[in-house]
Every structure is written in structure tokens, then in C-alpha cells.
Amino acid sequence: MDEKKFCTKCGNELAPDAKFCPDCGTRIPGRNEEQVQAERAMVREFMDKRLRWCTILMLIYSVPFLFIGIWYNLNAADLAQTLMTDPLYKDVVDMFELTYQEAVDSYEVVGIAYILSAIFGFISAFLCWKKRMFWVATITCLLSLITGVAGFFAIFVGLITLWMIFSSKLAFAEYSEQYEEALESIQ
């Protein structure tokens, strides 16, 4: 007959294979070493996968933004000409008293912002892939988000990736001691 287990903190009855108390979240001691090592390996694998996804998301975001930025800069004059001559935009041009050169400059600035966003994204992706320089990876991801904020895609991917990087802090090389301490606390 199996002996019932109870949480040492809140007294809740526990399932025989419980790792945590479902009521208060207290870790249940007494698991064998195989279970502990398996859980530690699972945490390591999860953190590695999360940082790989950070890398992939930043590359998915950065590659198109690089090409869009280059395209904007190469075609700024044509885009400005279209803006100045298209009857649909006449009211906007008149309202802002926009000149042709100001329109060209605006398109070039947008192109540069996209290129900067892509460069910051590439740096962040590389650092996540190498698991190095957590704060630089986080800040370049944030800068990529800010400079590419022209679209929903930039905000969405940037915020998700920023959260993933920030929540994977211990997987970066400079935090390896704290990471190992956290893994050792799994019992």
C-alpha cells in the first residue's frame, strides 16, 4: 500500500509523482538523482532552444529590413517624385508644405533607420547564438526594435525576442556560475 505524501509547507495531499505542490508551489524533496539530472538537462535544453529561437527571430526580422532599407535609399528620389505628383497625396504635401528634397531626405532617413534596425538585429542574433554579452544582446535588440518601429511586425518580433533574451539571461556565458547554481538548486 502506497503511503500518501503531503506538502511540508501547506499540508496539501500530493500525487505520488509530484515535483511541486499544486497549491503553494513548494518543490517536493526526495526524488532520485536520475530524475534530478533529467530535469536539469531539460532546463538546459529549454534555454538553448530559447536562445536559438531568439537568433532565428532576429534574423527573420533583420534580413528583410536590411533589403527594405537599401531599397528605400536606392529609390528615395523615385518615391519622392511619386509622392509629389500623385493626386492622392496632394493634400498631405500641401498641408506639410513638403518640398521634393524634403521628401527625398525623409525616404533616405527611413531607409537608414531600417538598415540600422537590421544591423542591430544581426548583432543581437549573433550574441544570442554565441551566448555572450547578455546586456549588449539585450540593448541591440531594443535598439533594433526602436529603429524599426515603423511596422507592427517590428514591434511584435522585437518585443517577443527582447522578452526571450531577457528571460534567458542565465544561459549567457557571463552568468554561467549563477546558471549552474540555479541548476544545482533543482533537487
N, C-alpha and C. Protein backbone atom coordinates (compact mmCIF):
# COMPACT_ATOMS: atom_id res chain seq x y z
N MET A 1 0.84 -1.18 0.00
CA MET A 1 0.00 0.00 0.00
C MET A 1 0.89 1.24 0.00
N ASP A 2 0.62 2.16 -0.94
CA ASP A 2 1.41 3.39 -1.04
C ASP A 2 1.05 4.35 0.07
N GLU A 3 2.10 4.92 0.62
CA GLU A 3 1.92 5.92 1.66
C GLU A 3 1.61 7.26 1.01
N LYS A 4 0.63 7.97 1.51
CA LYS A 4 0.27 9.26 0.94
C LYS A 4 1.35 10.28 1.29
N LYS A 5 1.58 11.21 0.34
CA LYS A 5 2.55 12.29 0.55
C LYS A 5 1.79 13.60 0.72
N PHE A 6 2.35 14.44 1.59
CA PHE A 6 1.76 15.75 1.84
C PHE A 6 2.83 16.83 1.73
N CYS A 7 2.40 18.01 1.33
CA CYS A 7 3.32 19.14 1.22
C CYS A 7 3.79 19.54 2.61
N THR A 8 5.10 19.78 2.73
CA THR A 8 5.66 20.17 4.03
C THR A 8 5.34 21.61 4.38
N LYS A 9 4.91 22.41 3.41
CA LYS A 9 4.63 23.82 3.68
C LYS A 9 3.15 24.07 3.97
N CYS A 10 2.26 23.52 3.09
CA CYS A 10 0.84 23.84 3.25
C CYS A 10 -0.02 22.64 3.66
N GLY A 11 0.55 21.43 3.63
CA GLY A 11 -0.19 20.24 4.05
C GLY A 11 -1.07 19.63 2.99
N ASN A 12 -1.07 20.15 1.79
CA ASN A 12 -1.89 19.63 0.71
C ASN A 12 -1.45 18.20 0.35
N GLU A 13 -2.42 17.33 0.04
CA GLU A 13 -2.08 15.97 -0.40
C GLU A 13 -1.48 16.04 -1.80
N LEU A 14 -0.44 15.25 -2.03
CA LEU A 14 0.31 15.30 -3.28
C LEU A 14 0.14 14.01 -4.06
N ALA A 15 0.23 14.14 -5.36
CA ALA A 15 0.26 12.96 -6.23
C ALA A 15 1.60 12.25 -6.00
N PRO A 16 1.66 10.93 -6.20
CA PRO A 16 2.91 10.19 -5.94
C PRO A 16 4.11 10.69 -6.75
N ASP A 17 3.88 11.19 -7.94
CA ASP A 17 4.99 11.63 -8.79
C ASP A 17 5.14 13.15 -8.82
N ALA A 18 4.56 13.86 -7.87
CA ALA A 18 4.58 15.33 -7.85
C ALA A 18 6.00 15.86 -7.65
N LYS A 19 6.33 16.88 -8.42
CA LYS A 19 7.61 17.58 -8.27
C LYS A 19 7.42 18.87 -7.48
N PHE A 20 6.20 19.41 -7.56
CA PHE A 20 5.85 20.64 -6.86
C PHE A 20 4.47 20.47 -6.25
N CYS A 21 4.22 21.22 -5.21
CA CYS A 21 2.87 21.25 -4.64
C CYS A 21 1.99 22.07 -5.57
N PRO A 22 0.84 21.53 -5.98
CA PRO A 22 -0.03 22.28 -6.90
C PRO A 22 -0.68 23.50 -6.24
N ASP A 23 -0.73 23.53 -4.90
CA ASP A 23 -1.34 24.67 -4.22
C ASP A 23 -0.36 25.81 -3.96
N CYS A 24 0.79 25.48 -3.36
CA CYS A 24 1.70 26.55 -2.95
C CYS A 24 2.99 26.61 -3.78
N GLY A 25 3.25 25.61 -4.61
CA GLY A 25 4.42 25.64 -5.48
C GLY A 25 5.71 25.15 -4.86
N THR A 26 5.66 24.66 -3.64
CA THR A 26 6.86 24.18 -2.96
C THR A 26 7.41 22.94 -3.68
N ARG A 27 8.72 22.91 -3.89
CA ARG A 27 9.37 21.76 -4.52
C ARG A 27 9.33 20.58 -3.55
N ILE A 28 9.06 19.41 -4.08
CA ILE A 28 8.96 18.20 -3.28
C ILE A 28 10.33 17.52 -3.26
N PRO A 29 10.93 17.37 -2.08
CA PRO A 29 12.25 16.72 -1.99
C PRO A 29 12.11 15.20 -2.11
N GLY A 30 13.25 14.55 -2.23
CA GLY A 30 13.25 13.09 -2.19
C GLY A 30 13.20 12.42 -3.53
N ARG A 31 13.40 13.14 -4.61
CA ARG A 31 13.44 12.50 -5.91
C ARG A 31 14.81 11.87 -6.12
N ASN A 32 14.88 10.86 -6.94
CA ASN A 32 16.17 10.21 -7.15
C ASN A 32 17.05 11.06 -8.07
N GLU A 33 18.34 10.76 -8.09
CA GLU A 33 19.32 11.55 -8.83
C GLU A 33 19.05 11.54 -10.33
N GLU A 34 18.55 10.44 -10.85
CA GLU A 34 18.22 10.37 -12.28
C GLU A 34 17.17 11.40 -12.66
N GLN A 35 16.13 11.51 -11.83
CA GLN A 35 15.08 12.49 -12.08
C GLN A 35 15.65 13.92 -12.03
N VAL A 36 16.49 14.17 -11.05
CA VAL A 36 17.08 15.50 -10.89
C VAL A 36 17.94 15.84 -12.11
N GLN A 37 18.79 14.91 -12.53
CA GLN A 37 19.65 15.16 -13.69
C GLN A 37 18.83 15.34 -14.96
N ALA A 38 17.77 14.57 -15.10
CA ALA A 38 16.90 14.70 -16.27
C ALA A 38 16.24 16.07 -16.30
N GLU A 39 15.81 16.54 -15.15
CA GLU A 39 15.18 17.86 -15.10
C GLU A 39 16.20 18.96 -15.40
N ARG A 40 17.41 18.83 -14.89
CA ARG A 40 18.46 19.81 -15.18
C ARG A 40 18.77 19.83 -16.68
N ALA A 41 18.85 18.65 -17.29
CA ALA A 41 19.11 18.56 -18.72
C ALA A 41 17.96 19.20 -19.52
N MET A 42 16.74 19.00 -19.04
CA MET A 42 15.59 19.59 -19.70
C MET A 42 15.64 21.12 -19.63
N VAL A 43 16.04 21.66 -18.49
CA VAL A 43 16.18 23.12 -18.35
C VAL A 43 17.26 23.64 -19.29
N ARG A 44 18.40 22.97 -19.33
CA ARG A 44 19.48 23.39 -20.24
C ARG A 44 19.00 23.38 -21.70
N GLU A 45 18.32 22.32 -22.08
CA GLU A 45 17.83 22.21 -23.46
C GLU A 45 16.81 23.31 -23.76
N PHE A 46 15.94 23.59 -22.81
CA PHE A 46 14.94 24.64 -22.99
C PHE A 46 15.61 25.99 -23.21
N MET A 47 16.61 26.31 -22.39
CA MET A 47 17.31 27.59 -22.50
C MET A 47 18.07 27.68 -23.83
N ASP A 48 18.69 26.58 -24.24
CA ASP A 48 19.39 26.57 -25.53
C ASP A 48 18.42 26.79 -26.68
N LYS A 49 17.28 26.12 -26.63
CA LYS A 49 16.28 26.29 -27.69
C LYS A 49 15.75 27.72 -27.72
N ARG A 50 15.54 28.29 -26.56
CA ARG A 50 15.03 29.66 -26.49
C ARG A 50 16.00 30.63 -27.14
N LEU A 51 17.29 30.47 -26.87
CA LEU A 51 18.27 31.36 -27.48
C LEU A 51 18.42 31.10 -28.98
N ARG A 52 18.25 29.86 -29.40
CA ARG A 52 18.24 29.59 -30.85
C ARG A 52 17.06 30.30 -31.51
N TRP A 53 15.91 30.28 -30.85
CA TRP A 53 14.74 30.98 -31.39
C TRP A 53 14.97 32.49 -31.41
N CYS A 54 15.64 33.02 -30.41
CA CYS A 54 15.98 34.45 -30.44
C CYS A 54 16.81 34.76 -31.68
N THR A 55 17.78 33.92 -31.95
CA THR A 55 18.64 34.11 -33.12
C THR A 55 17.81 34.05 -34.40
N ILE A 56 16.97 33.04 -34.51
CA ILE A 56 16.15 32.86 -35.72
C ILE A 56 15.19 34.04 -35.90
N LEU A 57 14.52 34.45 -34.83
CA LEU A 57 13.58 35.57 -34.94
C LEU A 57 14.28 36.86 -35.36
N MET A 58 15.44 37.11 -34.78
CA MET A 58 16.16 38.34 -35.14
C MET A 58 16.62 38.28 -36.60
N LEU A 59 17.00 37.12 -37.09
CA LEU A 59 17.41 37.01 -38.49
C LEU A 59 16.20 37.14 -39.43
N ILE A 60 15.07 36.53 -39.05
CA ILE A 60 13.85 36.66 -39.85
C ILE A 60 13.44 38.12 -39.96
N TYR A 61 13.64 38.85 -38.91
CA TYR A 61 13.31 40.26 -38.85
C TYR A 61 14.35 41.11 -39.58
N SER A 62 15.63 40.82 -39.37
CA SER A 62 16.70 41.70 -39.84
C SER A 62 16.98 41.61 -41.33
N VAL A 63 16.92 40.43 -41.89
CA VAL A 63 17.24 40.28 -43.32
C VAL A 63 16.30 41.11 -44.19
N PRO A 64 14.97 40.98 -44.04
CA PRO A 64 14.09 41.83 -44.87
C PRO A 64 14.28 43.32 -44.60
N PHE A 65 14.49 43.69 -43.34
CA PHE A 65 14.66 45.10 -43.03
C PHE A 65 15.92 45.67 -43.68
N LEU A 66 16.96 44.87 -43.78
CA LEU A 66 18.17 45.32 -44.46
C LEU A 66 17.86 45.61 -45.93
N PHE A 67 17.18 44.69 -46.59
CA PHE A 67 16.85 44.89 -48.00
C PHE A 67 15.87 46.04 -48.21
N ILE A 68 14.90 46.16 -47.32
CA ILE A 68 13.94 47.28 -47.42
C ILE A 68 14.67 48.61 -47.25
N GLY A 69 15.58 48.67 -46.27
CA GLY A 69 16.34 49.90 -46.05
C GLY A 69 17.20 50.27 -47.24
N ILE A 70 17.86 49.29 -47.82
CA ILE A 70 18.67 49.55 -49.01
C ILE A 70 17.78 50.00 -50.16
N TRP A 71 16.64 49.34 -50.34
CA TRP A 71 15.71 49.71 -51.41
C TRP A 71 15.22 51.15 -51.23
N TYR A 72 14.86 51.53 -50.00
CA TYR A 72 14.40 52.90 -49.74
C TYR A 72 15.49 53.90 -50.13
N ASN A 73 16.72 53.63 -49.77
CA ASN A 73 17.80 54.56 -50.08
C ASN A 73 18.08 54.63 -51.57
N LEU A 74 18.02 53.49 -52.26
CA LEU A 74 18.28 53.49 -53.70
C LEU A 74 17.15 54.14 -54.49
N ASN A 75 15.94 54.12 -53.96
CA ASN A 75 14.76 54.61 -54.68
C ASN A 75 14.14 55.85 -54.04
N ALA A 76 14.86 56.53 -53.18
CA ALA A 76 14.31 57.70 -52.48
C ALA A 76 13.82 58.77 -53.46
N ALA A 77 14.57 59.03 -54.50
CA ALA A 77 14.18 60.07 -55.46
C ALA A 77 12.89 59.67 -56.18
N ASP A 78 12.79 58.42 -56.61
CA ASP A 78 11.57 57.97 -57.29
C ASP A 78 10.36 57.98 -56.35
N LEU A 79 10.56 57.56 -55.13
CA LEU A 79 9.47 57.58 -54.15
C LEU A 79 9.02 59.01 -53.88
N ALA A 80 9.98 59.91 -53.75
CA ALA A 80 9.64 61.32 -53.52
C ALA A 80 8.89 61.90 -54.71
N GLN A 81 9.33 61.56 -55.91
CA GLN A 81 8.66 62.04 -57.13
C GLN A 81 7.22 61.54 -57.17
N THR A 82 7.01 60.28 -56.83
CA THR A 82 5.66 59.71 -56.79
C THR A 82 4.81 60.45 -55.76
N LEU A 83 5.38 60.69 -54.60
CA LEU A 83 4.66 61.40 -53.55
C LEU A 83 4.26 62.80 -54.01
N MET A 84 5.19 63.49 -54.66
CA MET A 84 4.93 64.88 -55.06
C MET A 84 3.93 65.00 -56.20
N THR A 85 3.86 63.97 -57.06
CA THR A 85 2.99 64.08 -58.24
C THR A 85 1.69 63.30 -58.12
N ASP A 86 1.56 62.42 -57.18
CA ASP A 86 0.35 61.61 -57.05
C ASP A 86 -0.77 62.46 -56.45
N PRO A 87 -1.90 62.54 -57.14
CA PRO A 87 -3.01 63.36 -56.63
C PRO A 87 -3.54 62.89 -55.27
N LEU A 88 -3.37 61.60 -54.96
CA LEU A 88 -3.84 61.10 -53.67
C LEU A 88 -3.10 61.73 -52.50
N TYR A 89 -1.87 62.14 -52.72
CA TYR A 89 -1.05 62.70 -51.64
C TYR A 89 -0.94 64.22 -51.70
N LYS A 90 -1.64 64.85 -52.62
CA LYS A 90 -1.55 66.30 -52.79
C LYS A 90 -1.89 67.04 -51.50
N ASP A 91 -2.94 66.62 -50.82
CA ASP A 91 -3.34 67.30 -49.58
C ASP A 91 -2.27 67.18 -48.50
N VAL A 92 -1.64 66.03 -48.40
CA VAL A 92 -0.58 65.83 -47.41
C VAL A 92 0.62 66.70 -47.74
N VAL A 93 1.01 66.72 -49.00
CA VAL A 93 2.14 67.53 -49.45
C VAL A 93 1.86 69.00 -49.18
N ASP A 94 0.66 69.46 -49.50
CA ASP A 94 0.28 70.86 -49.28
C ASP A 94 0.21 71.19 -47.79
N MET A 95 -0.36 70.29 -47.01
CA MET A 95 -0.53 70.55 -45.58
C MET A 95 0.83 70.73 -44.88
N PHE A 96 1.81 69.89 -45.24
CA PHE A 96 3.12 69.97 -44.61
C PHE A 96 4.09 70.87 -45.38
N GLU A 97 3.60 71.45 -46.47
CA GLU A 97 4.44 72.30 -47.33
C GLU A 97 5.75 71.59 -47.65
N LEU A 98 5.60 70.36 -48.07
CA LEU A 98 6.73 69.47 -48.31
C LEU A 98 7.37 69.78 -49.67
N THR A 99 8.68 69.91 -49.66
CA THR A 99 9.41 70.09 -50.92
C THR A 99 9.90 68.73 -51.39
N TYR A 100 10.30 68.69 -52.65
CA TYR A 100 10.82 67.45 -53.22
C TYR A 100 12.04 66.97 -52.43
N GLN A 101 12.97 67.86 -52.11
CA GLN A 101 14.19 67.46 -51.40
C GLN A 101 13.87 66.96 -49.99
N GLU A 102 12.89 67.57 -49.33
CA GLU A 102 12.49 67.09 -48.01
C GLU A 102 11.91 65.68 -48.10
N ALA A 103 11.17 65.42 -49.16
CA ALA A 103 10.60 64.08 -49.35
C ALA A 103 11.72 63.06 -49.59
N VAL A 104 12.70 63.42 -50.42
CA VAL A 104 13.85 62.53 -50.66
C VAL A 104 14.57 62.27 -49.35
N ASP A 105 14.84 63.33 -48.60
CA ASP A 105 15.54 63.19 -47.31
C ASP A 105 14.77 62.29 -46.35
N SER A 106 13.45 62.45 -46.33
CA SER A 106 12.62 61.63 -45.44
C SER A 106 12.71 60.16 -45.80
N TYR A 107 12.64 59.84 -47.08
CA TYR A 107 12.75 58.45 -47.50
C TYR A 107 14.14 57.89 -47.19
N GLU A 108 15.17 58.71 -47.35
CA GLU A 108 16.52 58.26 -47.02
C GLU A 108 16.68 57.99 -45.53
N VAL A 109 16.08 58.83 -44.70
CA VAL A 109 16.13 58.63 -43.24
C VAL A 109 15.41 57.33 -42.87
N VAL A 110 14.28 57.09 -43.48
CA VAL A 110 13.55 55.83 -43.22
C VAL A 110 14.42 54.65 -43.63
N GLY A 111 15.05 54.74 -44.79
CA GLY A 111 15.93 53.67 -45.25
C GLY A 111 17.08 53.43 -44.28
N ILE A 112 17.69 54.50 -43.79
CA ILE A 112 18.79 54.38 -42.83
C ILE A 112 18.30 53.75 -41.53
N ALA A 113 17.10 54.14 -41.09
CA ALA A 113 16.54 53.56 -39.86
C ALA A 113 16.35 52.05 -40.02
N TYR A 114 15.84 51.62 -41.18
CA TYR A 114 15.67 50.19 -41.42
C TYR A 114 17.01 49.47 -41.46
N ILE A 115 18.00 50.07 -42.09
CA ILE A 115 19.33 49.45 -42.15
C ILE A 115 19.92 49.35 -40.75
N LEU A 116 19.81 50.41 -39.95
CA LEU A 116 20.30 50.36 -38.57
C LEU A 116 19.57 49.29 -37.76
N SER A 117 18.27 49.20 -37.95
CA SER A 117 17.49 48.18 -37.26
C SER A 117 18.00 46.79 -37.61
N ALA A 118 18.29 46.57 -38.88
CA ALA A 118 18.81 45.27 -39.32
C ALA A 118 20.18 44.99 -38.72
N ILE A 119 21.05 46.00 -38.72
CA ILE A 119 22.40 45.81 -38.16
C ILE A 119 22.32 45.47 -36.68
N PHE A 120 21.51 46.21 -35.93
CA PHE A 120 21.33 45.91 -34.51
C PHE A 120 20.76 44.50 -34.33
N GLY A 121 19.82 44.13 -35.19
CA GLY A 121 19.24 42.78 -35.13
C GLY A 121 20.28 41.70 -35.39
N PHE A 122 21.16 41.93 -36.37
CA PHE A 122 22.22 40.95 -36.66
C PHE A 122 23.17 40.81 -35.47
N ILE A 123 23.51 41.92 -34.85
CA ILE A 123 24.40 41.87 -33.68
C ILE A 123 23.74 41.09 -32.55
N SER A 124 22.49 41.39 -32.27
CA SER A 124 21.77 40.69 -31.21
C SER A 124 21.65 39.20 -31.52
N ALA A 125 21.35 38.86 -32.76
CA ALA A 125 21.24 37.45 -33.16
C ALA A 125 22.56 36.73 -32.96
N PHE A 126 23.64 37.35 -33.37
CA PHE A 126 24.96 36.74 -33.23
C PHE A 126 25.30 36.50 -31.76
N LEU A 127 25.03 37.49 -30.91
CA LEU A 127 25.35 37.36 -29.49
C LEU A 127 24.47 36.29 -28.81
N CYS A 128 23.22 36.18 -29.22
CA CYS A 128 22.36 35.12 -28.68
C CYS A 128 22.87 33.76 -29.12
N TRP A 129 23.28 33.66 -30.37
CA TRP A 129 23.80 32.40 -30.90
C TRP A 129 25.06 31.98 -30.15
N LYS A 130 25.93 32.95 -29.84
CA LYS A 130 27.18 32.66 -29.13
C LYS A 130 26.99 32.61 -27.61
N LYS A 131 25.83 33.03 -27.14
CA LYS A 131 25.53 33.10 -25.69
C LYS A 131 26.56 33.97 -24.97
N ARG A 132 26.80 35.13 -25.53
CA ARG A 132 27.79 36.05 -25.00
C ARG A 132 27.18 37.44 -24.85
N MET A 133 27.69 38.18 -23.90
CA MET A 133 27.38 39.60 -23.73
C MET A 133 25.87 39.87 -23.64
N PHE A 134 25.27 39.36 -22.59
CA PHE A 134 23.83 39.47 -22.39
C PHE A 134 23.32 40.90 -22.55
N TRP A 135 23.95 41.85 -21.87
CA TRP A 135 23.44 43.23 -21.91
C TRP A 135 23.57 43.84 -23.29
N VAL A 136 24.64 43.54 -24.00
CA VAL A 136 24.79 44.05 -25.36
C VAL A 136 23.72 43.43 -26.27
N ALA A 137 23.48 42.12 -26.11
CA ALA A 137 22.43 41.46 -26.90
C ALA A 137 21.06 42.07 -26.61
N THR A 138 20.79 42.36 -25.35
CA THR A 138 19.51 42.95 -24.96
C THR A 138 19.37 44.36 -25.50
N ILE A 139 20.41 45.17 -25.35
CA ILE A 139 20.35 46.57 -25.80
C ILE A 139 20.27 46.65 -27.32
N THR A 140 21.03 45.81 -28.03
CA THR A 140 20.95 45.86 -29.50
C THR A 140 19.59 45.37 -30.00
N CYS A 141 18.99 44.43 -29.29
CA CYS A 141 17.64 44.01 -29.65
C CYS A 141 16.66 45.17 -29.45
N LEU A 142 16.81 45.87 -28.34
CA LEU A 142 15.95 47.04 -28.06
C LEU A 142 16.17 48.13 -29.11
N LEU A 143 17.42 48.40 -29.45
CA LEU A 143 17.71 49.41 -30.48
C LEU A 143 17.15 48.99 -31.84
N SER A 144 17.20 47.70 -32.13
CA SER A 144 16.62 47.20 -33.37
C SER A 144 15.11 47.44 -33.37
N LEU A 145 14.49 47.20 -32.25
CA LEU A 145 13.05 47.43 -32.11
C LEU A 145 12.72 48.91 -32.29
N ILE A 146 13.49 49.78 -31.67
CA ILE A 146 13.22 51.22 -31.73
C ILE A 146 13.43 51.77 -33.14
N THR A 147 14.53 51.39 -33.78
CA THR A 147 14.81 51.94 -35.11
C THR A 147 13.93 51.33 -36.19
N GLY A 148 13.34 50.19 -35.93
CA GLY A 148 12.46 49.56 -36.91
C GLY A 148 11.00 49.65 -36.55
N VAL A 149 10.65 50.58 -35.70
CA VAL A 149 9.31 50.66 -35.13
C VAL A 149 8.25 51.09 -36.15
N ALA A 150 8.62 51.20 -37.40
CA ALA A 150 7.68 51.65 -38.42
C ALA A 150 6.54 50.66 -38.67
N GLY A 151 6.68 49.44 -38.22
CA GLY A 151 5.62 48.49 -38.52
C GLY A 151 5.29 47.58 -37.36
N PHE A 152 4.11 46.99 -37.44
CA PHE A 152 3.64 46.05 -36.42
C PHE A 152 4.58 44.87 -36.29
N PHE A 153 5.09 44.39 -37.44
CA PHE A 153 6.00 43.24 -37.44
C PHE A 153 7.23 43.53 -36.58
N ALA A 154 7.79 44.72 -36.72
CA ALA A 154 8.97 45.10 -35.94
C ALA A 154 8.66 45.11 -34.45
N ILE A 155 7.55 45.67 -34.10
CA ILE A 155 7.17 45.74 -32.68
C ILE A 155 6.93 44.34 -32.13
N PHE A 156 6.17 43.54 -32.86
CA PHE A 156 5.81 42.20 -32.41
C PHE A 156 7.04 41.32 -32.23
N VAL A 157 7.84 41.18 -33.28
CA VAL A 157 9.02 40.32 -33.22
C VAL A 157 10.03 40.89 -32.23
N GLY A 158 10.22 42.19 -32.25
CA GLY A 158 11.19 42.82 -31.35
C GLY A 158 10.85 42.61 -29.88
N LEU A 159 9.59 42.80 -29.52
CA LEU A 159 9.20 42.63 -28.11
C LEU A 159 9.28 41.17 -27.67
N ILE A 160 8.86 40.27 -28.53
CA ILE A 160 8.95 38.84 -28.17
C ILE A 160 10.41 38.44 -27.99
N THR A 161 11.24 38.84 -28.93
CA THR A 161 12.66 38.48 -28.84
C THR A 161 13.32 39.13 -27.63
N LEU A 162 12.99 40.38 -27.37
CA LEU A 162 13.54 41.06 -26.19
C LEU A 162 13.17 40.31 -24.92
N TRP A 163 11.92 39.90 -24.80
CA TRP A 163 11.49 39.14 -23.63
C TRP A 163 12.24 37.81 -23.55
N MET A 164 12.41 37.13 -24.69
CA MET A 164 13.10 35.83 -24.69
C MET A 164 14.56 35.98 -24.29
N ILE A 165 15.21 37.02 -24.77
CA ILE A 165 16.61 37.24 -24.39
C ILE A 165 16.68 37.53 -22.89
N PHE A 166 15.83 38.43 -22.45
CA PHE A 166 15.87 38.83 -21.04
C PHE A 166 15.57 37.65 -20.11
N SER A 167 14.65 36.79 -20.51
CA SER A 167 14.30 35.65 -19.66
C SER A 167 15.31 34.51 -19.78
N SER A 168 16.25 34.62 -20.69
CA SER A 168 17.31 33.61 -20.85
C SER A 168 18.65 34.10 -20.32
N LYS A 169 18.63 35.10 -19.51
CA LYS A 169 19.84 35.75 -19.02
C LYS A 169 20.88 34.77 -18.48
N LEU A 170 20.45 33.81 -17.69
CA LEU A 170 21.40 32.88 -17.06
C LEU A 170 22.09 31.97 -18.06
N ALA A 171 21.55 31.83 -19.25
CA ALA A 171 22.18 30.95 -20.25
C ALA A 171 23.37 31.61 -20.94
N PHE A 172 23.56 32.91 -20.73
CA PHE A 172 24.71 33.62 -21.31
C PHE A 172 25.96 33.31 -20.51
N ALA A 173 27.08 33.29 -21.20
CA ALA A 173 28.36 32.85 -20.62
C ALA A 173 28.72 33.61 -19.34
N GLU A 174 28.49 34.91 -19.31
CA GLU A 174 28.91 35.68 -18.14
C GLU A 174 28.08 35.38 -16.88
N TYR A 175 27.00 34.64 -17.05
CA TYR A 175 26.17 34.26 -15.91
C TYR A 175 26.24 32.75 -15.65
N SER A 176 27.26 32.09 -16.15
CA SER A 176 27.33 30.63 -16.05
C SER A 176 27.36 30.13 -14.60
N GLU A 177 28.04 30.87 -13.72
CA GLU A 177 28.08 30.43 -12.31
C GLU A 177 26.69 30.46 -11.69
N GLN A 178 25.95 31.55 -11.92
CA GLN A 178 24.58 31.63 -11.38
C GLN A 178 23.68 30.58 -12.03
N TYR A 179 23.92 30.31 -13.31
CA TYR A 179 23.14 29.30 -14.02
C TYR A 179 23.35 27.93 -13.39
N GLU A 180 24.61 27.60 -13.14
CA GLU A 180 24.92 26.31 -12.51
C GLU A 180 24.35 26.24 -11.09
N GLU A 181 24.41 27.34 -10.35
CA GLU A 181 23.82 27.38 -9.01
C GLU A 181 22.30 27.15 -9.08
N ALA A 182 21.67 27.77 -10.05
CA ALA A 182 20.23 27.59 -10.21
C ALA A 182 19.91 26.14 -10.57
N LEU A 183 20.73 25.56 -11.44
CA LEU A 183 20.50 24.16 -11.80
C LEU A 183 20.76 23.23 -10.60
N GLU A 184 21.74 23.56 -9.79
CA GLU A 184 22.04 22.75 -8.59
C GLU A 184 20.89 22.81 -7.59
N SER A 185 20.11 23.91 -7.62
CA SER A 185 19.01 24.01 -6.68
C SER A 185 17.86 23.07 -7.04
N ILE A 186 17.89 22.52 -8.25
CA ILE A 186 16.88 21.54 -8.65
C ILE A 186 17.20 20.24 -7.92
N GLN A 187 16.31 19.84 -7.04
CA GLN A 187 16.53 18.62 -6.23
C GLN A 187 15.33 17.73 -6.24
